[in-house]
Amino acid sequence: MPENHATPQSRASGLPQGLILLWSFLLVVWLVINSSVEPPIVGVGALVSLVVAVIFIRRGDVWRIKVTPRKIFHFIAYTGVFLVELVKANVNMLRYVYAPRIDIRPGIVKIRMPLKSPIGRLALANSIALTPGSLVMDLRGDALFIHWLDVKTTDPEGATRMIIGPFERHLGVVFG
């Protein structure tokens, strides 16, 4: 039985960059959760983050992302867009909560999922779920089913533009 020598080599490509990317991300999350940059906390966080990153990298190809200046720019832009959308959604929720009469039309809408990579799909689904007033219910093929607190349109293309429009461009560049 012939051995497949392409698999180990392809798994090794991108390993250090993906490992560094995931380790950095996990370390930042650790530091934010602990709210401290004291040496023992940073040291433990660096070690724990490294162990978790190695485990994730070895278990799959999801974090094998090639980092380029263009992707870094779009990730920073995505972060800004996400924060703006988060504030807008929270203000909108305040408007619903404090209105004398609640005038909403809740419902489930189908939108198209433009991203193909698993990590890109995860980032988009989390971006939608983290903004108040929307919740990802299901992913079937290239379709996302979203529970929308105030349905503006049931047209899949219109709903796609309204819900994922701000995120799609930047996440598409970063994750594909």
N, C-alpha and C. Protein backbone atom coordinates (compact mmCIF):
# COMPACT_ATOMS: atom_id res chain seq x y z
N MET A 1 0.85 -1.17 0.00
CA MET A 1 0.00 0.00 0.00
C MET A 1 0.90 1.23 0.00
N PRO A 2 0.78 2.12 -1.00
CA PRO A 2 1.64 3.30 -1.06
C PRO A 2 1.26 4.31 0.01
N GLU A 3 2.29 4.98 0.53
CA GLU A 3 2.05 5.99 1.56
C GLU A 3 1.83 7.35 0.91
N ASN A 4 1.03 8.15 1.55
CA ASN A 4 0.77 9.50 1.07
C ASN A 4 1.71 10.45 1.79
N HIS A 5 2.75 10.90 1.06
CA HIS A 5 3.74 11.79 1.67
C HIS A 5 3.32 13.24 1.61
N ALA A 6 2.26 13.58 0.90
CA ALA A 6 1.85 14.99 0.76
C ALA A 6 1.17 15.49 2.04
N THR A 7 0.51 14.60 2.75
CA THR A 7 -0.24 15.04 3.92
C THR A 7 0.64 15.62 5.03
N PRO A 8 1.72 14.94 5.47
CA PRO A 8 2.53 15.54 6.53
C PRO A 8 3.16 16.85 6.11
N GLN A 9 3.58 16.94 4.85
CA GLN A 9 4.21 18.18 4.41
C GLN A 9 3.19 19.31 4.35
N SER A 10 1.99 19.03 3.85
CA SER A 10 0.98 20.08 3.77
C SER A 10 0.52 20.48 5.17
N ARG A 11 0.50 19.53 6.11
CA ARG A 11 0.12 19.87 7.48
C ARG A 11 1.19 20.72 8.15
N ALA A 12 2.44 20.53 7.75
CA ALA A 12 3.52 21.30 8.37
C ALA A 12 3.59 22.72 7.83
N SER A 13 3.11 22.93 6.61
CA SER A 13 3.19 24.28 6.05
C SER A 13 2.21 25.19 6.77
N GLY A 14 2.67 26.36 7.11
CA GLY A 14 1.82 27.32 7.80
C GLY A 14 1.73 27.08 9.29
N LEU A 15 2.40 26.05 9.80
CA LEU A 15 2.31 25.73 11.22
C LEU A 15 2.82 26.85 12.11
N PRO A 16 4.05 27.36 11.93
CA PRO A 16 4.53 28.39 12.86
C PRO A 16 3.68 29.65 12.83
N GLN A 17 3.27 30.10 11.64
CA GLN A 17 2.49 31.33 11.55
C GLN A 17 1.12 31.15 12.20
N GLY A 18 0.46 30.04 11.94
CA GLY A 18 -0.83 29.77 12.56
C GLY A 18 -0.71 29.59 14.06
N LEU A 19 0.37 28.94 14.48
CA LEU A 19 0.60 28.74 15.90
C LEU A 19 0.82 30.08 16.60
N ILE A 20 1.62 30.93 16.00
CA ILE A 20 1.88 32.25 16.58
C ILE A 20 0.60 33.08 16.62
N LEU A 21 -0.18 33.02 15.55
CA LEU A 21 -1.44 33.77 15.49
C LEU A 21 -2.40 33.32 16.59
N LEU A 22 -2.61 32.01 16.70
CA LEU A 22 -3.53 31.49 17.70
C LEU A 22 -3.00 31.73 19.11
N TRP A 23 -1.71 31.51 19.33
CA TRP A 23 -1.11 31.75 20.64
C TRP A 23 -1.28 33.21 21.06
N SER A 24 -1.03 34.13 20.12
CA SER A 24 -1.18 35.57 20.42
C SER A 24 -2.63 35.89 20.79
N PHE A 25 -3.55 35.36 20.02
CA PHE A 25 -4.97 35.61 20.28
C PHE A 25 -5.37 35.09 21.66
N LEU A 26 -4.98 33.86 21.96
CA LEU A 26 -5.33 33.28 23.25
C LEU A 26 -4.67 34.03 24.41
N LEU A 27 -3.44 34.49 24.22
CA LEU A 27 -2.76 35.24 25.26
C LEU A 27 -3.46 36.57 25.52
N VAL A 28 -3.89 37.24 24.46
CA VAL A 28 -4.62 38.51 24.63
C VAL A 28 -5.93 38.26 25.39
N VAL A 29 -6.64 37.20 25.02
CA VAL A 29 -7.88 36.87 25.74
C VAL A 29 -7.58 36.59 27.21
N TRP A 30 -6.52 35.85 27.49
CA TRP A 30 -6.12 35.57 28.87
C TRP A 30 -5.86 36.85 29.65
N LEU A 31 -5.12 37.78 29.03
CA LEU A 31 -4.78 39.02 29.72
C LEU A 31 -6.01 39.90 29.94
N VAL A 32 -6.91 39.90 29.00
CA VAL A 32 -8.14 40.68 29.16
C VAL A 32 -9.00 40.09 30.28
N ILE A 33 -9.11 38.78 30.31
CA ILE A 33 -9.91 38.13 31.36
C ILE A 33 -9.31 38.38 32.74
N ASN A 34 -7.98 38.33 32.84
CA ASN A 34 -7.32 38.51 34.14
C ASN A 34 -7.12 39.97 34.51
N SER A 35 -7.25 40.88 33.57
CA SER A 35 -7.10 42.32 33.82
C SER A 35 -5.78 42.66 34.53
N SER A 36 -4.72 42.00 34.14
CA SER A 36 -3.44 42.24 34.77
C SER A 36 -2.31 41.86 33.82
N VAL A 37 -1.20 42.59 33.93
CA VAL A 37 -0.01 42.26 33.15
C VAL A 37 1.18 42.01 34.09
N GLU A 38 0.88 41.52 35.27
CA GLU A 38 1.95 41.17 36.20
C GLU A 38 2.68 39.93 35.68
N PRO A 39 3.98 39.86 35.90
CA PRO A 39 4.78 38.76 35.33
C PRO A 39 4.26 37.35 35.58
N PRO A 40 3.81 37.00 36.79
CA PRO A 40 3.31 35.62 36.96
C PRO A 40 2.06 35.34 36.12
N ILE A 41 1.19 36.31 36.02
CA ILE A 41 -0.03 36.12 35.23
C ILE A 41 0.30 36.02 33.75
N VAL A 42 1.20 36.87 33.27
CA VAL A 42 1.61 36.82 31.87
C VAL A 42 2.32 35.50 31.58
N GLY A 43 3.18 35.05 32.49
CA GLY A 43 3.90 33.79 32.29
C GLY A 43 2.97 32.59 32.22
N VAL A 44 2.05 32.50 33.17
CA VAL A 44 1.09 31.39 33.16
C VAL A 44 0.21 31.46 31.91
N GLY A 45 -0.23 32.67 31.58
CA GLY A 45 -1.06 32.84 30.37
C GLY A 45 -0.33 32.45 29.11
N ALA A 46 0.95 32.82 29.02
CA ALA A 46 1.75 32.46 27.85
C ALA A 46 1.88 30.95 27.73
N LEU A 47 2.13 30.29 28.85
CA LEU A 47 2.29 28.83 28.84
C LEU A 47 0.97 28.12 28.52
N VAL A 48 -0.10 28.51 29.18
CA VAL A 48 -1.40 27.89 28.94
C VAL A 48 -1.85 28.14 27.50
N SER A 49 -1.65 29.35 27.02
CA SER A 49 -2.04 29.69 25.65
C SER A 49 -1.24 28.88 24.64
N LEU A 50 0.04 28.69 24.90
CA LEU A 50 0.87 27.90 24.00
C LEU A 50 0.42 26.45 23.95
N VAL A 51 0.14 25.87 25.11
CA VAL A 51 -0.32 24.48 25.15
C VAL A 51 -1.64 24.32 24.39
N VAL A 52 -2.59 25.22 24.65
CA VAL A 52 -3.88 25.15 23.97
C VAL A 52 -3.71 25.36 22.46
N ALA A 53 -2.87 26.31 22.08
CA ALA A 53 -2.63 26.58 20.65
C ALA A 53 -2.02 25.36 19.96
N VAL A 54 -1.05 24.71 20.59
CA VAL A 54 -0.43 23.52 20.01
C VAL A 54 -1.47 22.41 19.83
N ILE A 55 -2.32 22.23 20.83
CA ILE A 55 -3.36 21.20 20.73
C ILE A 55 -4.29 21.50 19.56
N PHE A 56 -4.74 22.75 19.45
CA PHE A 56 -5.65 23.11 18.36
C PHE A 56 -4.99 22.98 16.99
N ILE A 57 -3.75 23.41 16.88
CA ILE A 57 -3.04 23.35 15.59
C ILE A 57 -2.85 21.89 15.17
N ARG A 58 -2.51 21.03 16.11
CA ARG A 58 -2.27 19.63 15.78
C ARG A 58 -3.55 18.88 15.42
N ARG A 59 -4.71 19.34 15.93
CA ARG A 59 -5.97 18.63 15.72
C ARG A 59 -6.68 18.99 14.43
N GLY A 60 -6.27 20.06 13.75
CA GLY A 60 -6.97 20.43 12.53
C GLY A 60 -6.26 21.53 11.77
N ASP A 61 -6.79 21.82 10.60
CA ASP A 61 -6.19 22.81 9.71
C ASP A 61 -6.88 24.17 9.78
N VAL A 62 -7.82 24.35 10.69
CA VAL A 62 -8.61 25.57 10.75
C VAL A 62 -7.74 26.81 10.98
N TRP A 63 -6.75 26.70 11.85
CA TRP A 63 -5.94 27.86 12.21
C TRP A 63 -4.72 28.03 11.31
N ARG A 64 -4.66 27.37 10.21
CA ARG A 64 -3.54 27.54 9.28
C ARG A 64 -3.89 28.70 8.34
N ILE A 65 -3.73 29.90 8.86
CA ILE A 65 -4.08 31.12 8.13
C ILE A 65 -2.79 31.84 7.78
N LYS A 66 -2.66 32.18 6.51
CA LYS A 66 -1.49 32.93 6.09
C LYS A 66 -1.74 34.41 6.41
N VAL A 67 -0.84 34.99 7.19
CA VAL A 67 -0.98 36.38 7.62
C VAL A 67 -0.22 37.28 6.66
N THR A 68 -0.94 38.26 6.12
CA THR A 68 -0.33 39.26 5.24
C THR A 68 -0.72 40.64 5.75
N PRO A 69 0.00 41.68 5.33
CA PRO A 69 -0.38 43.03 5.76
C PRO A 69 -1.82 43.39 5.35
N ARG A 70 -2.24 42.93 4.19
CA ARG A 70 -3.61 43.20 3.74
C ARG A 70 -4.63 42.56 4.68
N LYS A 71 -4.38 41.31 5.09
CA LYS A 71 -5.29 40.62 6.00
C LYS A 71 -5.30 41.30 7.37
N ILE A 72 -4.15 41.74 7.83
CA ILE A 72 -4.08 42.45 9.12
C ILE A 72 -4.90 43.72 9.05
N PHE A 73 -4.76 44.48 7.95
CA PHE A 73 -5.54 45.71 7.78
C PHE A 73 -7.04 45.41 7.82
N HIS A 74 -7.46 44.39 7.07
CA HIS A 74 -8.89 44.07 7.02
C HIS A 74 -9.39 43.51 8.35
N PHE A 75 -8.55 42.81 9.11
CA PHE A 75 -8.98 42.34 10.41
C PHE A 75 -9.19 43.52 11.37
N ILE A 76 -8.30 44.49 11.31
CA ILE A 76 -8.46 45.70 12.14
C ILE A 76 -9.71 46.46 11.71
N ALA A 77 -9.93 46.56 10.39
CA ALA A 77 -11.14 47.23 9.88
C ALA A 77 -12.39 46.47 10.31
N TYR A 78 -12.34 45.14 10.24
CA TYR A 78 -13.48 44.32 10.69
C TYR A 78 -13.77 44.58 12.17
N THR A 79 -12.73 44.65 12.98
CA THR A 79 -12.91 44.90 14.40
C THR A 79 -13.62 46.23 14.63
N GLY A 80 -13.21 47.26 13.89
CA GLY A 80 -13.87 48.56 14.00
C GLY A 80 -15.32 48.50 13.55
N VAL A 81 -15.57 47.84 12.43
CA VAL A 81 -16.94 47.71 11.92
C VAL A 81 -17.79 46.94 12.92
N PHE A 82 -17.23 45.87 13.48
CA PHE A 82 -17.98 45.09 14.46
C PHE A 82 -18.35 45.93 15.67
N LEU A 83 -17.40 46.70 16.17
CA LEU A 83 -17.69 47.54 17.34
C LEU A 83 -18.77 48.59 17.04
N VAL A 84 -18.71 49.18 15.85
CA VAL A 84 -19.74 50.15 15.46
C VAL A 84 -21.10 49.46 15.38
N GLU A 85 -21.16 48.30 14.74
CA GLU A 85 -22.43 47.57 14.62
C GLU A 85 -22.94 47.12 16.00
N LEU A 86 -22.03 46.77 16.88
CA LEU A 86 -22.41 46.37 18.23
C LEU A 86 -23.05 47.53 18.99
N VAL A 87 -22.46 48.70 18.88
CA VAL A 87 -23.02 49.89 19.55
C VAL A 87 -24.38 50.24 18.93
N LYS A 88 -24.47 50.20 17.60
CA LYS A 88 -25.75 50.50 16.95
C LYS A 88 -26.84 49.53 17.39
N ALA A 89 -26.51 48.25 17.47
CA ALA A 89 -27.50 47.25 17.87
C ALA A 89 -27.92 47.44 19.33
N ASN A 90 -26.97 47.79 20.19
CA ASN A 90 -27.31 48.03 21.60
C ASN A 90 -28.20 49.26 21.76
N VAL A 91 -27.90 50.32 21.03
CA VAL A 91 -28.75 51.52 21.07
C VAL A 91 -30.14 51.18 20.56
N ASN A 92 -30.21 50.39 19.51
CA ASN A 92 -31.50 49.97 18.96
C ASN A 92 -32.29 49.15 19.99
N MET A 93 -31.60 48.27 20.72
CA MET A 93 -32.27 47.48 21.76
C MET A 93 -32.78 48.38 22.88
N LEU A 94 -31.99 49.39 23.25
CA LEU A 94 -32.46 50.35 24.26
C LEU A 94 -33.73 51.05 23.80
N ARG A 95 -33.78 51.38 22.53
CA ARG A 95 -34.97 52.03 21.97
C ARG A 95 -36.19 51.11 22.11
N TYR A 96 -36.00 49.82 21.85
CA TYR A 96 -37.10 48.87 21.99
C TYR A 96 -37.52 48.73 23.45
N VAL A 97 -36.55 48.64 24.35
CA VAL A 97 -36.84 48.41 25.76
C VAL A 97 -37.57 49.59 26.38
N TYR A 98 -37.14 50.80 26.05
CA TYR A 98 -37.72 51.97 26.69
C TYR A 98 -38.87 52.61 25.91
N ALA A 99 -39.25 52.02 24.81
CA ALA A 99 -40.39 52.54 24.05
C ALA A 99 -41.68 52.25 24.81
N PRO A 100 -42.64 53.20 24.78
CA PRO A 100 -43.90 52.96 25.49
C PRO A 100 -44.69 51.79 24.88
N ARG A 101 -44.50 51.56 23.59
CA ARG A 101 -45.18 50.46 22.92
C ARG A 101 -44.16 49.73 22.07
N ILE A 102 -44.04 48.43 22.29
CA ILE A 102 -43.06 47.65 21.53
C ILE A 102 -43.64 47.32 20.16
N ASP A 103 -42.99 47.82 19.14
CA ASP A 103 -43.43 47.60 17.77
C ASP A 103 -42.35 46.82 17.03
N ILE A 104 -42.34 45.50 17.24
CA ILE A 104 -41.35 44.65 16.58
C ILE A 104 -42.06 43.56 15.80
N ARG A 105 -41.34 43.02 14.83
CA ARG A 105 -41.82 41.91 14.02
C ARG A 105 -40.76 40.80 14.06
N PRO A 106 -40.74 39.98 15.11
CA PRO A 106 -39.73 38.92 15.17
C PRO A 106 -39.99 37.85 14.12
N GLY A 107 -38.93 37.24 13.68
CA GLY A 107 -39.07 36.18 12.70
C GLY A 107 -37.72 35.55 12.36
N ILE A 108 -37.80 34.53 11.55
CA ILE A 108 -36.60 33.83 11.10
C ILE A 108 -36.40 34.14 9.63
N VAL A 109 -35.21 34.58 9.30
CA VAL A 109 -34.88 34.90 7.92
C VAL A 109 -33.73 34.00 7.45
N LYS A 110 -33.73 33.75 6.17
CA LYS A 110 -32.67 32.96 5.55
C LYS A 110 -31.73 33.92 4.83
N ILE A 111 -30.44 33.80 5.12
CA ILE A 111 -29.46 34.61 4.41
C ILE A 111 -28.41 33.68 3.81
N ARG A 112 -27.70 34.16 2.82
CA ARG A 112 -26.67 33.33 2.20
C ARG A 112 -25.36 33.48 2.96
N MET A 113 -24.62 32.40 3.03
CA MET A 113 -23.31 32.38 3.70
C MET A 113 -22.24 32.46 2.62
N PRO A 114 -21.60 33.62 2.47
CA PRO A 114 -20.63 33.78 1.39
C PRO A 114 -19.26 33.16 1.68
N LEU A 115 -18.95 32.92 2.94
CA LEU A 115 -17.61 32.44 3.31
C LEU A 115 -17.54 30.93 3.23
N LYS A 116 -16.37 30.42 2.85
CA LYS A 116 -16.19 28.98 2.70
C LYS A 116 -15.36 28.35 3.81
N SER A 117 -14.42 29.09 4.39
CA SER A 117 -13.55 28.50 5.42
C SER A 117 -14.31 28.35 6.73
N PRO A 118 -14.05 27.28 7.47
CA PRO A 118 -14.75 27.07 8.74
C PRO A 118 -14.53 28.21 9.74
N ILE A 119 -13.34 28.73 9.83
CA ILE A 119 -13.06 29.80 10.79
C ILE A 119 -13.74 31.10 10.35
N GLY A 120 -13.83 31.33 9.05
CA GLY A 120 -14.54 32.50 8.54
C GLY A 120 -16.03 32.41 8.83
N ARG A 121 -16.59 31.22 8.64
CA ARG A 121 -18.00 31.00 8.94
C ARG A 121 -18.28 31.20 10.44
N LEU A 122 -17.36 30.69 11.26
CA LEU A 122 -17.51 30.86 12.70
C LEU A 122 -17.45 32.34 13.09
N ALA A 123 -16.50 33.07 12.51
CA ALA A 123 -16.37 34.50 12.83
C ALA A 123 -17.63 35.26 12.41
N LEU A 124 -18.16 34.94 11.24
CA LEU A 124 -19.38 35.62 10.78
C LEU A 124 -20.58 35.27 11.66
N ALA A 125 -20.74 33.99 11.97
CA ALA A 125 -21.87 33.58 12.82
C ALA A 125 -21.77 34.23 14.20
N ASN A 126 -20.57 34.30 14.76
CA ASN A 126 -20.40 34.95 16.06
C ASN A 126 -20.64 36.45 15.98
N SER A 127 -20.25 37.07 14.88
CA SER A 127 -20.49 38.50 14.71
C SER A 127 -21.98 38.78 14.71
N ILE A 128 -22.75 37.92 14.08
CA ILE A 128 -24.20 38.08 14.03
C ILE A 128 -24.80 37.81 15.40
N ALA A 129 -24.38 36.72 16.04
CA ALA A 129 -24.97 36.33 17.32
C ALA A 129 -24.61 37.29 18.45
N LEU A 130 -23.47 37.95 18.37
CA LEU A 130 -23.05 38.85 19.44
C LEU A 130 -23.72 40.22 19.36
N THR A 131 -24.30 40.55 18.23
CA THR A 131 -25.02 41.83 18.14
C THR A 131 -26.45 41.60 18.61
N PRO A 132 -26.90 42.36 19.58
CA PRO A 132 -28.25 42.16 20.12
C PRO A 132 -29.32 42.30 19.04
N GLY A 133 -30.31 41.45 19.13
CA GLY A 133 -31.43 41.50 18.20
C GLY A 133 -31.34 40.44 17.12
N SER A 134 -30.27 39.67 17.09
CA SER A 134 -30.13 38.62 16.09
C SER A 134 -29.47 37.41 16.73
N LEU A 135 -29.83 36.24 16.23
CA LEU A 135 -29.30 34.99 16.76
C LEU A 135 -29.20 33.98 15.63
N VAL A 136 -28.06 33.36 15.47
CA VAL A 136 -27.90 32.33 14.44
C VAL A 136 -28.53 31.05 14.96
N MET A 137 -29.47 30.51 14.18
CA MET A 137 -30.17 29.31 14.60
C MET A 137 -29.65 28.06 13.91
N ASP A 138 -29.27 28.18 12.63
CA ASP A 138 -28.86 27.00 11.90
C ASP A 138 -28.01 27.40 10.70
N LEU A 139 -27.15 26.50 10.28
CA LEU A 139 -26.36 26.66 9.08
C LEU A 139 -26.55 25.41 8.25
N ARG A 140 -27.12 25.58 7.08
CA ARG A 140 -27.35 24.46 6.16
C ARG A 140 -26.74 24.81 4.82
N GLY A 141 -25.66 24.15 4.49
CA GLY A 141 -24.98 24.43 3.23
C GLY A 141 -24.47 25.86 3.21
N ASP A 142 -24.98 26.63 2.26
CA ASP A 142 -24.59 28.04 2.15
C ASP A 142 -25.66 28.97 2.70
N ALA A 143 -26.56 28.46 3.51
CA ALA A 143 -27.64 29.28 4.07
C ALA A 143 -27.53 29.34 5.59
N LEU A 144 -27.70 30.54 6.11
CA LEU A 144 -27.77 30.76 7.56
C LEU A 144 -29.21 31.11 7.89
N PHE A 145 -29.73 30.55 8.95
CA PHE A 145 -31.07 30.91 9.40
C PHE A 145 -30.91 31.73 10.68
N ILE A 146 -31.40 32.96 10.62
CA ILE A 146 -31.21 33.93 11.69
C ILE A 146 -32.55 34.28 12.31
N HIS A 147 -32.61 34.25 13.64
CA HIS A 147 -33.78 34.80 14.33
C HIS A 147 -33.50 36.28 14.49
N TRP A 148 -34.34 37.08 13.87
CA TRP A 148 -34.16 38.54 13.84
C TRP A 148 -35.27 39.15 14.66
N LEU A 149 -34.94 39.98 15.61
CA LEU A 149 -35.94 40.55 16.52
C LEU A 149 -36.94 41.43 15.77
N ASP A 150 -36.45 42.20 14.82
CA ASP A 150 -37.32 43.08 14.05
C ASP A 150 -37.02 42.90 12.57
N VAL A 151 -37.78 42.00 11.95
CA VAL A 151 -37.54 41.65 10.55
C VAL A 151 -37.89 42.83 9.66
N LYS A 152 -36.90 43.30 8.94
CA LYS A 152 -37.09 44.43 8.02
C LYS A 152 -37.48 43.94 6.62
N THR A 153 -36.97 42.75 6.24
CA THR A 153 -37.30 42.17 4.95
C THR A 153 -37.17 40.65 5.04
N THR A 154 -37.99 39.94 4.27
CA THR A 154 -37.88 38.49 4.22
C THR A 154 -37.15 38.03 2.96
N ASP A 155 -36.82 38.98 2.09
CA ASP A 155 -36.05 38.66 0.89
C ASP A 155 -34.64 38.22 1.30
N PRO A 156 -34.19 37.02 0.92
CA PRO A 156 -32.88 36.54 1.35
C PRO A 156 -31.72 37.48 0.96
N GLU A 157 -31.78 38.05 -0.23
CA GLU A 157 -30.70 38.96 -0.66
C GLU A 157 -30.71 40.25 0.14
N GLY A 158 -31.89 40.79 0.38
CA GLY A 158 -32.00 42.01 1.18
C GLY A 158 -31.59 41.78 2.63
N ALA A 159 -32.02 40.65 3.18
CA ALA A 159 -31.63 40.33 4.56
C ALA A 159 -30.13 40.09 4.66
N THR A 160 -29.55 39.45 3.64
CA THR A 160 -28.10 39.23 3.63
C THR A 160 -27.36 40.55 3.65
N ARG A 161 -27.79 41.48 2.81
CA ARG A 161 -27.13 42.81 2.78
C ARG A 161 -27.27 43.52 4.12
N MET A 162 -28.43 43.44 4.74
CA MET A 162 -28.66 44.16 5.99
C MET A 162 -27.93 43.52 7.18
N ILE A 163 -27.89 42.21 7.24
CA ILE A 163 -27.32 41.54 8.41
C ILE A 163 -25.81 41.35 8.30
N ILE A 164 -25.34 40.83 7.17
CA ILE A 164 -23.91 40.54 7.10
C ILE A 164 -23.14 41.51 6.21
N GLY A 165 -23.84 42.43 5.60
CA GLY A 165 -23.18 43.39 4.72
C GLY A 165 -21.98 44.08 5.32
N PRO A 166 -22.07 44.60 6.54
CA PRO A 166 -20.92 45.30 7.11
C PRO A 166 -19.72 44.38 7.37
N PHE A 167 -19.96 43.09 7.64
CA PHE A 167 -18.88 42.18 8.01
C PHE A 167 -18.28 41.44 6.82
N GLU A 168 -19.08 41.20 5.80
CA GLU A 168 -18.72 40.28 4.73
C GLU A 168 -17.41 40.64 4.02
N ARG A 169 -17.26 41.90 3.66
CA ARG A 169 -16.09 42.30 2.88
C ARG A 169 -14.78 42.02 3.63
N HIS A 170 -14.73 42.44 4.89
CA HIS A 170 -13.49 42.29 5.65
C HIS A 170 -13.22 40.82 6.02
N LEU A 171 -14.25 40.09 6.44
CA LEU A 171 -14.05 38.69 6.79
C LEU A 171 -13.70 37.87 5.57
N GLY A 172 -14.24 38.23 4.41
CA GLY A 172 -13.91 37.54 3.17
C GLY A 172 -12.43 37.65 2.83
N VAL A 173 -11.86 38.81 3.06
CA VAL A 173 -10.43 39.00 2.79
C VAL A 173 -9.58 38.25 3.81
N VAL A 174 -9.97 38.32 5.08
CA VAL A 174 -9.17 37.70 6.14
C VAL A 174 -9.24 36.18 6.09
N PHE A 175 -10.45 35.63 5.98
CA PHE A 175 -10.62 34.18 6.10
C PHE A 175 -11.00 33.49 4.80
N GLY A 176 -11.55 34.20 3.86
CA GLY A 176 -11.93 33.59 2.59
C GLY A 176 -13.24 32.89 2.61
